[in-house]
């Protein structure tokens, strides 16, 4: 089943780090950052857990403050050197412990760490959802290659708004009213 609910979902925020983000095309970076923030704000309101990774944080820096501010205070980034977060024991253990079966994978770069994480998750039989407006690469051709690779894996290629409205299911709730404000 490909349907997302707050109860079956978890977000994997992959390597949204200061020095890596600075290398992204400015317009793409700005839009991606804004969409990712919307996703994290909705997840926090709906109590959907978030796993955060940082690739070689000593060199690439911490998670950008514009996203850290939307994370629950107890969220600790998992430092890694592997490209696939799903092959890092701390990440894999936290994911297993969560009991969630649907992983919404966002971050950078789309064709390296996001892709390899999505591939590993698919191999491990998780339902993988990739909002295409919440993943980014420095070069458009790498981003486009990643999109094709996600689809070959059987991942659901989607958008942040689609994910959020899938979680909400209906209008008229307090959650809908609050989250609708994020989307304006």
N, C-alpha and C. Protein backbone atom coordinates (compact mmCIF):
# COMPACT_ATOMS: atom_id res chain seq x y z
N UNK A 1 0.84 -1.18 0.00
CA UNK A 1 0.00 0.00 0.00
C UNK A 1 0.89 1.24 0.00
N UNK A 2 0.55 2.21 -0.83
CA UNK A 2 1.37 3.41 -0.99
C UNK A 2 0.82 4.63 -0.26
N UNK A 3 -0.29 4.46 0.41
CA UNK A 3 -0.94 5.57 1.10
C UNK A 3 -0.15 5.99 2.34
N UNK A 4 0.10 7.29 2.44
CA UNK A 4 0.80 7.84 3.60
C UNK A 4 -0.19 8.25 4.68
N UNK A 5 0.13 7.91 5.91
CA UNK A 5 -0.62 8.39 7.07
C UNK A 5 0.39 8.89 8.10
N UNK A 6 -0.06 9.72 9.04
CA UNK A 6 0.87 10.13 10.10
C UNK A 6 1.38 8.94 10.92
N UNK A 7 0.61 7.87 10.96
CA UNK A 7 0.99 6.71 11.76
C UNK A 7 2.00 5.79 11.07
N UNK A 8 2.04 5.80 9.72
CA UNK A 8 2.96 4.88 9.04
C UNK A 8 4.19 5.59 8.47
N UNK A 9 4.28 6.90 8.64
CA UNK A 9 5.31 7.70 7.98
C UNK A 9 6.44 8.11 8.91
N UNK A 10 7.61 8.26 8.31
CA UNK A 10 8.78 8.85 8.95
C UNK A 10 9.53 9.61 7.87
N UNK A 11 10.18 10.70 8.23
CA UNK A 11 10.95 11.48 7.27
C UNK A 11 12.43 11.18 7.46
N UNK A 12 13.14 11.00 6.36
CA UNK A 12 14.60 10.92 6.38
C UNK A 12 15.11 12.21 5.74
N UNK A 13 15.64 13.10 6.56
CA UNK A 13 16.21 14.37 6.11
C UNK A 13 17.70 14.15 5.90
N UNK A 14 18.10 14.05 4.64
CA UNK A 14 19.45 13.63 4.28
C UNK A 14 20.34 14.84 3.97
N UNK A 15 21.32 15.06 4.82
CA UNK A 15 22.48 15.92 4.54
C UNK A 15 22.16 17.35 4.12
N UNK A 16 21.16 17.96 4.73
CA UNK A 16 20.86 19.38 4.45
C UNK A 16 21.83 20.21 5.28
N UNK A 17 23.09 20.24 4.87
CA UNK A 17 24.15 20.85 5.66
C UNK A 17 24.63 22.17 5.07
N UNK A 18 25.19 22.99 5.93
CA UNK A 18 25.55 24.36 5.55
C UNK A 18 26.45 24.45 4.33
N UNK A 19 27.56 23.73 4.32
CA UNK A 19 28.51 23.88 3.21
C UNK A 19 28.01 23.18 1.95
N UNK A 20 27.28 22.11 2.11
CA UNK A 20 26.71 21.43 0.94
C UNK A 20 25.60 22.29 0.33
N UNK A 21 24.76 22.86 1.17
CA UNK A 21 23.67 23.71 0.68
C UNK A 21 24.21 24.92 -0.07
N UNK A 22 25.32 25.46 0.38
CA UNK A 22 25.91 26.64 -0.27
C UNK A 22 26.39 26.34 -1.69
N UNK A 23 26.60 25.07 -2.00
CA UNK A 23 27.07 24.68 -3.34
C UNK A 23 25.92 24.48 -4.33
N UNK A 24 24.69 24.55 -3.87
CA UNK A 24 23.54 24.31 -4.74
C UNK A 24 23.19 25.58 -5.52
N UNK A 25 22.55 25.42 -6.69
CA UNK A 25 22.09 26.60 -7.44
C UNK A 25 21.15 27.44 -6.56
N UNK A 26 21.39 28.74 -6.44
CA UNK A 26 20.65 29.57 -5.48
C UNK A 26 19.13 29.50 -5.58
N UNK A 27 18.57 29.59 -6.78
CA UNK A 27 17.10 29.56 -6.90
C UNK A 27 16.54 28.20 -6.52
N UNK A 28 17.20 27.14 -6.95
CA UNK A 28 16.75 25.79 -6.62
C UNK A 28 16.88 25.58 -5.12
N UNK A 29 17.98 26.01 -4.57
CA UNK A 29 18.23 25.89 -3.13
C UNK A 29 17.13 26.57 -2.33
N UNK A 30 16.79 27.80 -2.69
CA UNK A 30 15.79 28.57 -1.94
C UNK A 30 14.43 27.88 -1.96
N UNK A 31 14.00 27.44 -3.13
CA UNK A 31 12.69 26.78 -3.23
C UNK A 31 12.69 25.45 -2.49
N UNK A 32 13.75 24.69 -2.63
CA UNK A 32 13.87 23.40 -1.96
C UNK A 32 13.87 23.57 -0.45
N UNK A 33 14.58 24.56 0.03
CA UNK A 33 14.62 24.85 1.46
C UNK A 33 13.23 25.19 1.99
N UNK A 34 12.52 26.02 1.25
CA UNK A 34 11.17 26.43 1.67
C UNK A 34 10.22 25.23 1.70
N UNK A 35 10.27 24.38 0.68
CA UNK A 35 9.39 23.21 0.62
C UNK A 35 9.75 22.20 1.73
N UNK A 36 11.03 22.03 1.97
CA UNK A 36 11.46 21.10 3.02
C UNK A 36 11.02 21.61 4.39
N UNK A 37 11.09 22.91 4.60
CA UNK A 37 10.62 23.49 5.86
C UNK A 37 9.13 23.25 6.05
N UNK A 38 8.34 23.39 4.99
CA UNK A 38 6.90 23.11 5.07
C UNK A 38 6.68 21.66 5.50
N UNK A 39 7.40 20.75 4.89
CA UNK A 39 7.26 19.33 5.23
C UNK A 39 7.59 19.08 6.70
N UNK A 40 8.67 19.67 7.18
CA UNK A 40 9.07 19.47 8.58
C UNK A 40 8.08 20.11 9.54
N UNK A 41 7.55 21.27 9.20
CA UNK A 41 6.55 21.91 10.06
C UNK A 41 5.29 21.05 10.15
N UNK A 42 4.85 20.53 9.02
CA UNK A 42 3.67 19.66 9.01
C UNK A 42 3.94 18.39 9.81
N UNK A 43 5.11 17.81 9.63
CA UNK A 43 5.45 16.59 10.35
C UNK A 43 5.46 16.84 11.86
N UNK A 44 5.99 17.96 12.26
CA UNK A 44 6.04 18.26 13.70
C UNK A 44 4.63 18.41 14.26
N UNK A 45 3.77 19.12 13.54
CA UNK A 45 2.39 19.30 13.99
C UNK A 45 1.66 17.96 14.08
N UNK A 46 1.91 17.07 13.12
CA UNK A 46 1.23 15.78 13.06
C UNK A 46 1.97 14.68 13.82
N UNK A 47 3.05 15.05 14.49
CA UNK A 47 3.85 14.12 15.31
C UNK A 47 4.43 12.97 14.49
N UNK A 48 4.93 13.31 13.32
CA UNK A 48 5.61 12.34 12.45
C UNK A 48 7.10 12.46 12.74
N UNK A 49 7.75 11.35 13.07
CA UNK A 49 9.17 11.43 13.41
C UNK A 49 10.06 11.77 12.22
N UNK A 50 11.22 12.34 12.55
CA UNK A 50 12.20 12.73 11.54
C UNK A 50 13.56 12.17 11.95
N UNK A 51 14.21 11.51 11.00
CA UNK A 51 15.60 11.09 11.17
C UNK A 51 16.45 12.04 10.33
N UNK A 52 17.51 12.56 10.91
CA UNK A 52 18.36 13.54 10.24
C UNK A 52 19.77 12.96 10.12
N UNK A 53 20.37 13.11 8.93
CA UNK A 53 21.75 12.69 8.75
C UNK A 53 22.62 13.88 8.37
N UNK A 54 23.89 13.73 8.69
CA UNK A 54 24.90 14.71 8.28
C UNK A 54 26.10 13.95 7.74
N UNK A 55 26.40 14.17 6.47
CA UNK A 55 27.55 13.54 5.82
C UNK A 55 28.81 14.30 6.22
N UNK A 56 29.75 13.61 6.83
CA UNK A 56 31.03 14.19 7.22
C UNK A 56 30.84 15.62 7.77
N UNK A 57 30.17 15.74 8.92
CA UNK A 57 29.84 17.07 9.44
C UNK A 57 31.06 17.96 9.72
N UNK A 58 32.20 17.35 10.00
CA UNK A 58 33.41 18.15 10.23
C UNK A 58 33.75 18.99 8.99
N UNK A 59 33.53 18.43 7.82
CA UNK A 59 33.84 19.14 6.58
C UNK A 59 32.67 19.89 5.97
N UNK A 60 31.46 19.33 6.11
CA UNK A 60 30.29 19.91 5.45
C UNK A 60 29.40 20.73 6.40
N UNK A 61 29.75 20.73 7.67
CA UNK A 61 29.02 21.54 8.63
C UNK A 61 27.75 20.87 9.12
N UNK A 62 27.03 21.56 10.01
CA UNK A 62 25.79 21.02 10.58
C UNK A 62 24.60 21.24 9.65
N UNK A 63 23.49 20.67 10.04
CA UNK A 63 22.21 20.90 9.35
C UNK A 63 21.91 22.40 9.38
N UNK A 64 21.40 22.92 8.27
CA UNK A 64 21.15 24.36 8.18
C UNK A 64 20.15 24.80 9.25
N UNK A 65 20.38 25.99 9.84
CA UNK A 65 19.50 26.46 10.91
C UNK A 65 18.05 26.65 10.47
N UNK A 66 17.83 26.98 9.19
CA UNK A 66 16.46 27.19 8.69
C UNK A 66 15.63 25.91 8.77
N UNK A 67 16.27 24.75 8.82
CA UNK A 67 15.54 23.49 8.99
C UNK A 67 15.63 22.99 10.42
N UNK A 68 16.76 23.19 11.06
CA UNK A 68 16.90 22.75 12.47
C UNK A 68 15.80 23.34 13.33
N UNK A 69 15.42 24.59 13.04
CA UNK A 69 14.40 25.24 13.87
C UNK A 69 13.04 24.54 13.81
N UNK A 70 12.82 23.72 12.79
CA UNK A 70 11.53 23.02 12.66
C UNK A 70 11.59 21.57 13.16
N UNK A 71 12.72 21.19 13.73
CA UNK A 71 12.87 19.83 14.25
C UNK A 71 12.58 19.81 15.75
N UNK A 72 11.99 18.73 16.23
CA UNK A 72 11.83 18.61 17.68
C UNK A 72 13.21 18.66 18.35
N UNK A 73 13.29 19.23 19.55
CA UNK A 73 14.59 19.40 20.20
C UNK A 73 15.34 18.10 20.46
N UNK A 74 14.62 17.00 20.58
CA UNK A 74 15.27 15.72 20.87
C UNK A 74 15.93 15.07 19.65
N UNK A 75 15.70 15.62 18.47
CA UNK A 75 16.27 15.03 17.25
C UNK A 75 17.77 15.32 17.20
N UNK A 76 18.55 14.25 17.16
CA UNK A 76 20.01 14.35 17.04
C UNK A 76 20.42 13.84 15.67
N UNK A 77 21.13 14.64 14.89
CA UNK A 77 21.58 14.15 13.59
C UNK A 77 22.52 12.94 13.73
N UNK A 78 22.41 12.04 12.77
CA UNK A 78 23.29 10.89 12.70
C UNK A 78 24.44 11.25 11.77
N UNK A 79 25.65 11.29 12.30
CA UNK A 79 26.83 11.56 11.47
C UNK A 79 27.15 10.30 10.67
N UNK A 80 27.58 10.51 9.42
CA UNK A 80 27.86 9.36 8.57
C UNK A 80 28.96 9.68 7.57
N UNK A 81 29.56 8.61 7.07
CA UNK A 81 30.47 8.70 5.94
C UNK A 81 29.92 7.91 4.76
N UNK A 82 29.09 6.90 5.04
CA UNK A 82 28.44 6.14 3.98
C UNK A 82 27.48 7.04 3.22
N UNK A 83 27.32 6.77 1.94
CA UNK A 83 26.35 7.54 1.17
C UNK A 83 24.92 7.12 1.50
N UNK A 84 24.70 5.84 1.76
CA UNK A 84 23.37 5.37 2.13
C UNK A 84 23.17 5.47 3.63
N UNK A 85 22.27 6.34 4.05
CA UNK A 85 21.97 6.46 5.48
C UNK A 85 21.41 5.15 6.03
N UNK A 86 20.70 4.40 5.20
CA UNK A 86 20.09 3.16 5.65
C UNK A 86 21.12 2.09 6.00
N UNK A 87 22.37 2.31 5.63
CA UNK A 87 23.44 1.36 5.96
C UNK A 87 24.28 1.84 7.14
N UNK A 88 23.82 2.89 7.79
CA UNK A 88 24.47 3.39 9.01
C UNK A 88 23.70 2.79 10.19
N UNK A 89 24.39 2.05 11.07
CA UNK A 89 23.67 1.35 12.15
C UNK A 89 22.76 2.24 13.00
N UNK A 90 23.19 3.45 13.36
CA UNK A 90 22.33 4.31 14.20
C UNK A 90 21.05 4.71 13.47
N UNK A 91 21.16 5.01 12.19
CA UNK A 91 19.99 5.37 11.38
C UNK A 91 19.08 4.15 11.23
N UNK A 92 19.66 3.03 10.82
CA UNK A 92 18.87 1.81 10.60
C UNK A 92 18.17 1.37 11.88
N UNK A 93 18.87 1.46 13.00
CA UNK A 93 18.27 1.08 14.28
C UNK A 93 17.11 1.98 14.66
N UNK A 94 17.29 3.29 14.47
CA UNK A 94 16.21 4.24 14.79
C UNK A 94 15.01 4.02 13.88
N UNK A 95 15.27 3.72 12.63
CA UNK A 95 14.17 3.46 11.69
C UNK A 95 13.41 2.20 12.10
N UNK A 96 14.12 1.15 12.41
CA UNK A 96 13.47 -0.10 12.83
C UNK A 96 12.66 0.13 14.11
N UNK A 97 13.26 0.81 15.07
CA UNK A 97 12.58 1.09 16.34
C UNK A 97 11.31 1.91 16.14
N UNK A 98 11.30 2.78 15.14
CA UNK A 98 10.12 3.62 14.89
C UNK A 98 8.89 2.81 14.52
N UNK A 99 9.11 1.65 13.91
CA UNK A 99 7.99 0.83 13.46
C UNK A 99 7.27 1.38 12.24
N UNK A 100 7.83 2.41 11.61
CA UNK A 100 7.20 3.03 10.44
C UNK A 100 7.60 2.28 9.18
N UNK A 101 6.67 2.17 8.24
CA UNK A 101 6.92 1.41 7.01
C UNK A 101 7.09 2.29 5.77
N UNK A 102 6.71 3.56 5.86
CA UNK A 102 6.79 4.49 4.73
C UNK A 102 7.80 5.60 5.06
N UNK A 103 8.82 5.71 4.22
CA UNK A 103 9.88 6.69 4.47
C UNK A 103 9.82 7.77 3.40
N UNK A 104 9.63 9.00 3.84
CA UNK A 104 9.66 10.16 2.95
C UNK A 104 11.10 10.67 2.97
N UNK A 105 11.79 10.52 1.84
CA UNK A 105 13.22 10.83 1.77
C UNK A 105 13.40 12.18 1.09
N UNK A 106 14.07 13.10 1.78
CA UNK A 106 14.33 14.44 1.26
C UNK A 106 15.79 14.81 1.53
N UNK A 107 16.31 15.77 0.76
CA UNK A 107 17.65 16.24 1.06
C UNK A 107 18.53 16.39 -0.16
N UNK A 108 19.83 16.20 0.08
CA UNK A 108 20.80 16.41 -0.98
C UNK A 108 21.97 15.45 -0.84
N UNK A 109 22.68 15.17 -1.87
CA UNK A 109 22.30 15.45 -3.22
C UNK A 109 21.41 14.32 -3.73
N UNK A 110 20.50 14.69 -4.62
CA UNK A 110 19.48 13.76 -5.11
C UNK A 110 20.07 12.50 -5.72
N UNK A 111 21.19 12.63 -6.41
CA UNK A 111 21.76 11.50 -7.15
C UNK A 111 22.81 10.72 -6.37
N UNK A 112 23.13 11.15 -5.17
CA UNK A 112 24.16 10.45 -4.38
C UNK A 112 23.53 9.92 -3.10
N UNK A 113 23.58 10.69 -2.03
CA UNK A 113 23.11 10.18 -0.74
C UNK A 113 21.61 9.94 -0.68
N UNK A 114 20.83 10.81 -1.30
CA UNK A 114 19.38 10.59 -1.31
C UNK A 114 19.07 9.33 -2.11
N UNK A 115 19.66 9.20 -3.28
CA UNK A 115 19.41 8.03 -4.11
C UNK A 115 19.86 6.74 -3.41
N UNK A 116 21.07 6.73 -2.90
CA UNK A 116 21.57 5.49 -2.29
C UNK A 116 20.77 5.12 -1.05
N UNK A 117 20.31 6.11 -0.31
CA UNK A 117 19.43 5.84 0.83
C UNK A 117 18.10 5.26 0.35
N UNK A 118 17.50 5.88 -0.65
CA UNK A 118 16.23 5.38 -1.20
C UNK A 118 16.39 3.96 -1.71
N UNK A 119 17.49 3.69 -2.41
CA UNK A 119 17.73 2.34 -2.94
C UNK A 119 17.84 1.32 -1.80
N UNK A 120 18.60 1.64 -0.78
CA UNK A 120 18.74 0.72 0.35
C UNK A 120 17.40 0.49 1.06
N UNK A 121 16.64 1.55 1.23
CA UNK A 121 15.33 1.41 1.87
C UNK A 121 14.41 0.53 1.04
N UNK A 122 14.42 0.70 -0.28
CA UNK A 122 13.61 -0.15 -1.16
C UNK A 122 14.07 -1.60 -1.05
N UNK A 123 15.38 -1.82 -1.02
CA UNK A 123 15.92 -3.18 -0.86
C UNK A 123 15.46 -3.79 0.46
N UNK A 124 15.31 -2.95 1.48
CA UNK A 124 14.88 -3.41 2.80
C UNK A 124 13.35 -3.46 2.93
N UNK A 125 12.67 -3.26 1.81
CA UNK A 125 11.21 -3.39 1.69
C UNK A 125 10.41 -2.31 2.41
N UNK A 126 11.00 -1.13 2.52
CA UNK A 126 10.23 0.03 2.96
C UNK A 126 9.54 0.63 1.75
N UNK A 127 8.39 1.26 1.97
CA UNK A 127 7.76 2.06 0.92
C UNK A 127 8.47 3.41 0.93
N UNK A 128 9.05 3.77 -0.21
CA UNK A 128 9.86 4.98 -0.31
C UNK A 128 9.10 6.04 -1.11
N UNK A 129 9.02 7.24 -0.55
CA UNK A 129 8.36 8.38 -1.19
C UNK A 129 9.39 9.49 -1.30
N UNK A 130 9.58 10.02 -2.50
CA UNK A 130 10.56 11.09 -2.72
C UNK A 130 9.84 12.31 -3.30
N UNK A 131 9.61 13.34 -2.47
CA UNK A 131 9.05 14.58 -3.00
C UNK A 131 10.12 15.28 -3.86
N UNK A 132 9.85 15.38 -5.13
CA UNK A 132 10.87 15.89 -6.06
C UNK A 132 11.20 17.35 -5.84
N UNK A 133 10.34 18.08 -5.15
CA UNK A 133 10.65 19.48 -4.84
C UNK A 133 11.31 19.62 -3.46
N UNK A 134 11.77 18.49 -2.92
CA UNK A 134 12.50 18.51 -1.64
C UNK A 134 13.79 17.71 -1.73
N UNK A 135 14.25 17.47 -2.96
CA UNK A 135 15.58 16.89 -3.19
C UNK A 135 16.28 17.77 -4.22
N UNK A 136 17.59 17.86 -4.12
CA UNK A 136 18.32 18.78 -4.99
C UNK A 136 19.71 18.22 -5.29
N UNK A 137 20.20 18.56 -6.47
CA UNK A 137 21.58 18.28 -6.88
C UNK A 137 22.17 19.57 -7.45
N UNK A 138 23.49 19.63 -7.48
CA UNK A 138 24.13 20.83 -8.04
C UNK A 138 23.85 20.98 -9.53
N UNK A 139 23.76 19.86 -10.24
CA UNK A 139 23.60 19.91 -11.69
C UNK A 139 22.26 19.28 -12.09
N UNK A 140 21.57 19.93 -12.99
CA UNK A 140 20.25 19.47 -13.42
C UNK A 140 20.28 18.05 -13.97
N UNK A 141 21.31 17.71 -14.76
CA UNK A 141 21.36 16.36 -15.34
C UNK A 141 21.49 15.29 -14.25
N UNK A 142 22.17 15.59 -13.15
CA UNK A 142 22.26 14.63 -12.05
C UNK A 142 20.91 14.49 -11.36
N UNK A 143 20.22 15.61 -11.18
CA UNK A 143 18.87 15.57 -10.60
C UNK A 143 17.94 14.74 -11.47
N UNK A 144 17.97 14.97 -12.77
CA UNK A 144 17.09 14.24 -13.69
C UNK A 144 17.42 12.74 -13.69
N UNK A 145 18.70 12.41 -13.64
CA UNK A 145 19.09 11.00 -13.56
C UNK A 145 18.53 10.38 -12.28
N UNK A 146 18.60 11.11 -11.19
CA UNK A 146 18.09 10.60 -9.92
C UNK A 146 16.59 10.33 -9.99
N UNK A 147 15.84 11.23 -10.62
CA UNK A 147 14.39 11.03 -10.74
C UNK A 147 14.10 9.71 -11.45
N UNK A 148 14.80 9.46 -12.55
CA UNK A 148 14.61 8.19 -13.25
C UNK A 148 14.99 7.00 -12.40
N UNK A 149 16.06 7.12 -11.64
CA UNK A 149 16.50 6.03 -10.78
C UNK A 149 15.49 5.75 -9.67
N UNK A 150 14.91 6.81 -9.08
CA UNK A 150 13.88 6.60 -8.05
C UNK A 150 12.73 5.77 -8.62
N UNK A 151 12.31 6.13 -9.81
CA UNK A 151 11.18 5.42 -10.43
C UNK A 151 11.54 3.98 -10.73
N UNK A 152 12.77 3.72 -11.16
CA UNK A 152 13.20 2.34 -11.40
C UNK A 152 13.19 1.51 -10.11
N UNK A 153 13.44 2.16 -8.99
CA UNK A 153 13.42 1.47 -7.70
C UNK A 153 12.00 1.12 -7.26
N UNK A 154 11.02 1.78 -7.86
CA UNK A 154 9.64 1.62 -7.41
C UNK A 154 9.26 2.63 -6.35
N UNK A 155 10.10 3.65 -6.15
CA UNK A 155 9.76 4.71 -5.19
C UNK A 155 8.62 5.55 -5.76
N UNK A 156 7.82 6.11 -4.87
CA UNK A 156 6.77 7.03 -5.27
C UNK A 156 7.42 8.40 -5.43
N UNK A 157 7.42 8.94 -6.66
CA UNK A 157 7.90 10.30 -6.87
C UNK A 157 6.70 11.22 -6.73
N UNK A 158 6.83 12.20 -5.87
CA UNK A 158 5.69 12.98 -5.43
C UNK A 158 6.12 14.43 -5.20
N UNK A 159 5.34 15.19 -4.47
CA UNK A 159 5.70 16.56 -4.09
C UNK A 159 5.39 16.75 -2.61
N UNK A 160 5.93 17.80 -2.04
CA UNK A 160 5.69 18.08 -0.63
C UNK A 160 4.19 18.26 -0.38
N UNK A 161 3.52 19.03 -1.23
CA UNK A 161 2.08 19.24 -1.01
C UNK A 161 1.29 17.94 -1.08
N UNK A 162 1.64 17.08 -2.01
CA UNK A 162 0.95 15.80 -2.12
C UNK A 162 1.14 14.98 -0.85
N UNK A 163 2.35 14.94 -0.33
CA UNK A 163 2.62 14.21 0.91
C UNK A 163 1.80 14.79 2.06
N UNK A 164 1.82 16.10 2.21
CA UNK A 164 1.13 16.75 3.32
C UNK A 164 -0.38 16.51 3.24
N UNK A 165 -0.96 16.65 2.06
CA UNK A 165 -2.40 16.43 1.95
C UNK A 165 -2.76 14.95 2.10
N UNK A 166 -1.85 14.06 1.75
CA UNK A 166 -2.08 12.64 2.02
C UNK A 166 -2.15 12.41 3.53
N UNK A 167 -1.25 13.05 4.27
CA UNK A 167 -1.29 12.93 5.73
C UNK A 167 -2.59 13.49 6.30
N UNK A 168 -3.06 14.61 5.76
CA UNK A 168 -4.23 15.29 6.31
C UNK A 168 -5.55 14.59 6.00
N UNK A 169 -5.69 14.08 4.79
CA UNK A 169 -6.88 13.35 4.32
C UNK A 169 -8.13 14.20 4.11
N UNK A 170 -8.33 15.27 4.89
CA UNK A 170 -9.56 16.04 4.76
C UNK A 170 -9.34 17.48 5.20
N UNK A 171 -10.22 18.34 4.72
CA UNK A 171 -10.22 19.75 5.12
C UNK A 171 -11.06 19.91 6.38
N UNK A 172 -11.03 21.10 6.94
CA UNK A 172 -11.93 21.41 8.05
C UNK A 172 -11.37 21.10 9.43
N UNK A 173 -10.22 20.48 9.51
CA UNK A 173 -9.62 20.19 10.81
C UNK A 173 -8.68 21.32 11.22
N UNK A 174 -8.33 21.36 12.50
CA UNK A 174 -7.36 22.37 12.96
C UNK A 174 -6.01 22.15 12.29
N UNK A 175 -5.62 20.89 12.11
CA UNK A 175 -4.35 20.60 11.43
C UNK A 175 -4.37 21.12 10.01
N UNK A 176 -5.49 20.91 9.31
CA UNK A 176 -5.62 21.41 7.94
C UNK A 176 -5.47 22.93 7.90
N UNK A 177 -6.15 23.62 8.81
CA UNK A 177 -6.10 25.09 8.82
C UNK A 177 -4.67 25.58 9.06
N UNK A 178 -3.99 24.97 10.01
CA UNK A 178 -2.62 25.38 10.32
C UNK A 178 -1.69 25.11 9.15
N UNK A 179 -1.75 23.89 8.63
CA UNK A 179 -0.83 23.49 7.55
C UNK A 179 -1.14 24.25 6.26
N UNK A 180 -2.39 24.56 6.00
CA UNK A 180 -2.73 25.36 4.82
C UNK A 180 -2.02 26.70 4.85
N UNK A 181 -1.86 27.25 6.04
CA UNK A 181 -1.12 28.50 6.19
C UNK A 181 0.34 28.37 5.80
N UNK A 182 0.93 27.20 6.03
CA UNK A 182 2.33 26.97 5.63
C UNK A 182 2.47 26.94 4.12
N UNK A 183 1.41 26.54 3.43
CA UNK A 183 1.48 26.31 1.98
C UNK A 183 1.22 27.58 1.17
N UNK A 184 0.83 28.64 1.80
CA UNK A 184 0.53 29.88 1.07
C UNK A 184 1.79 30.59 0.64
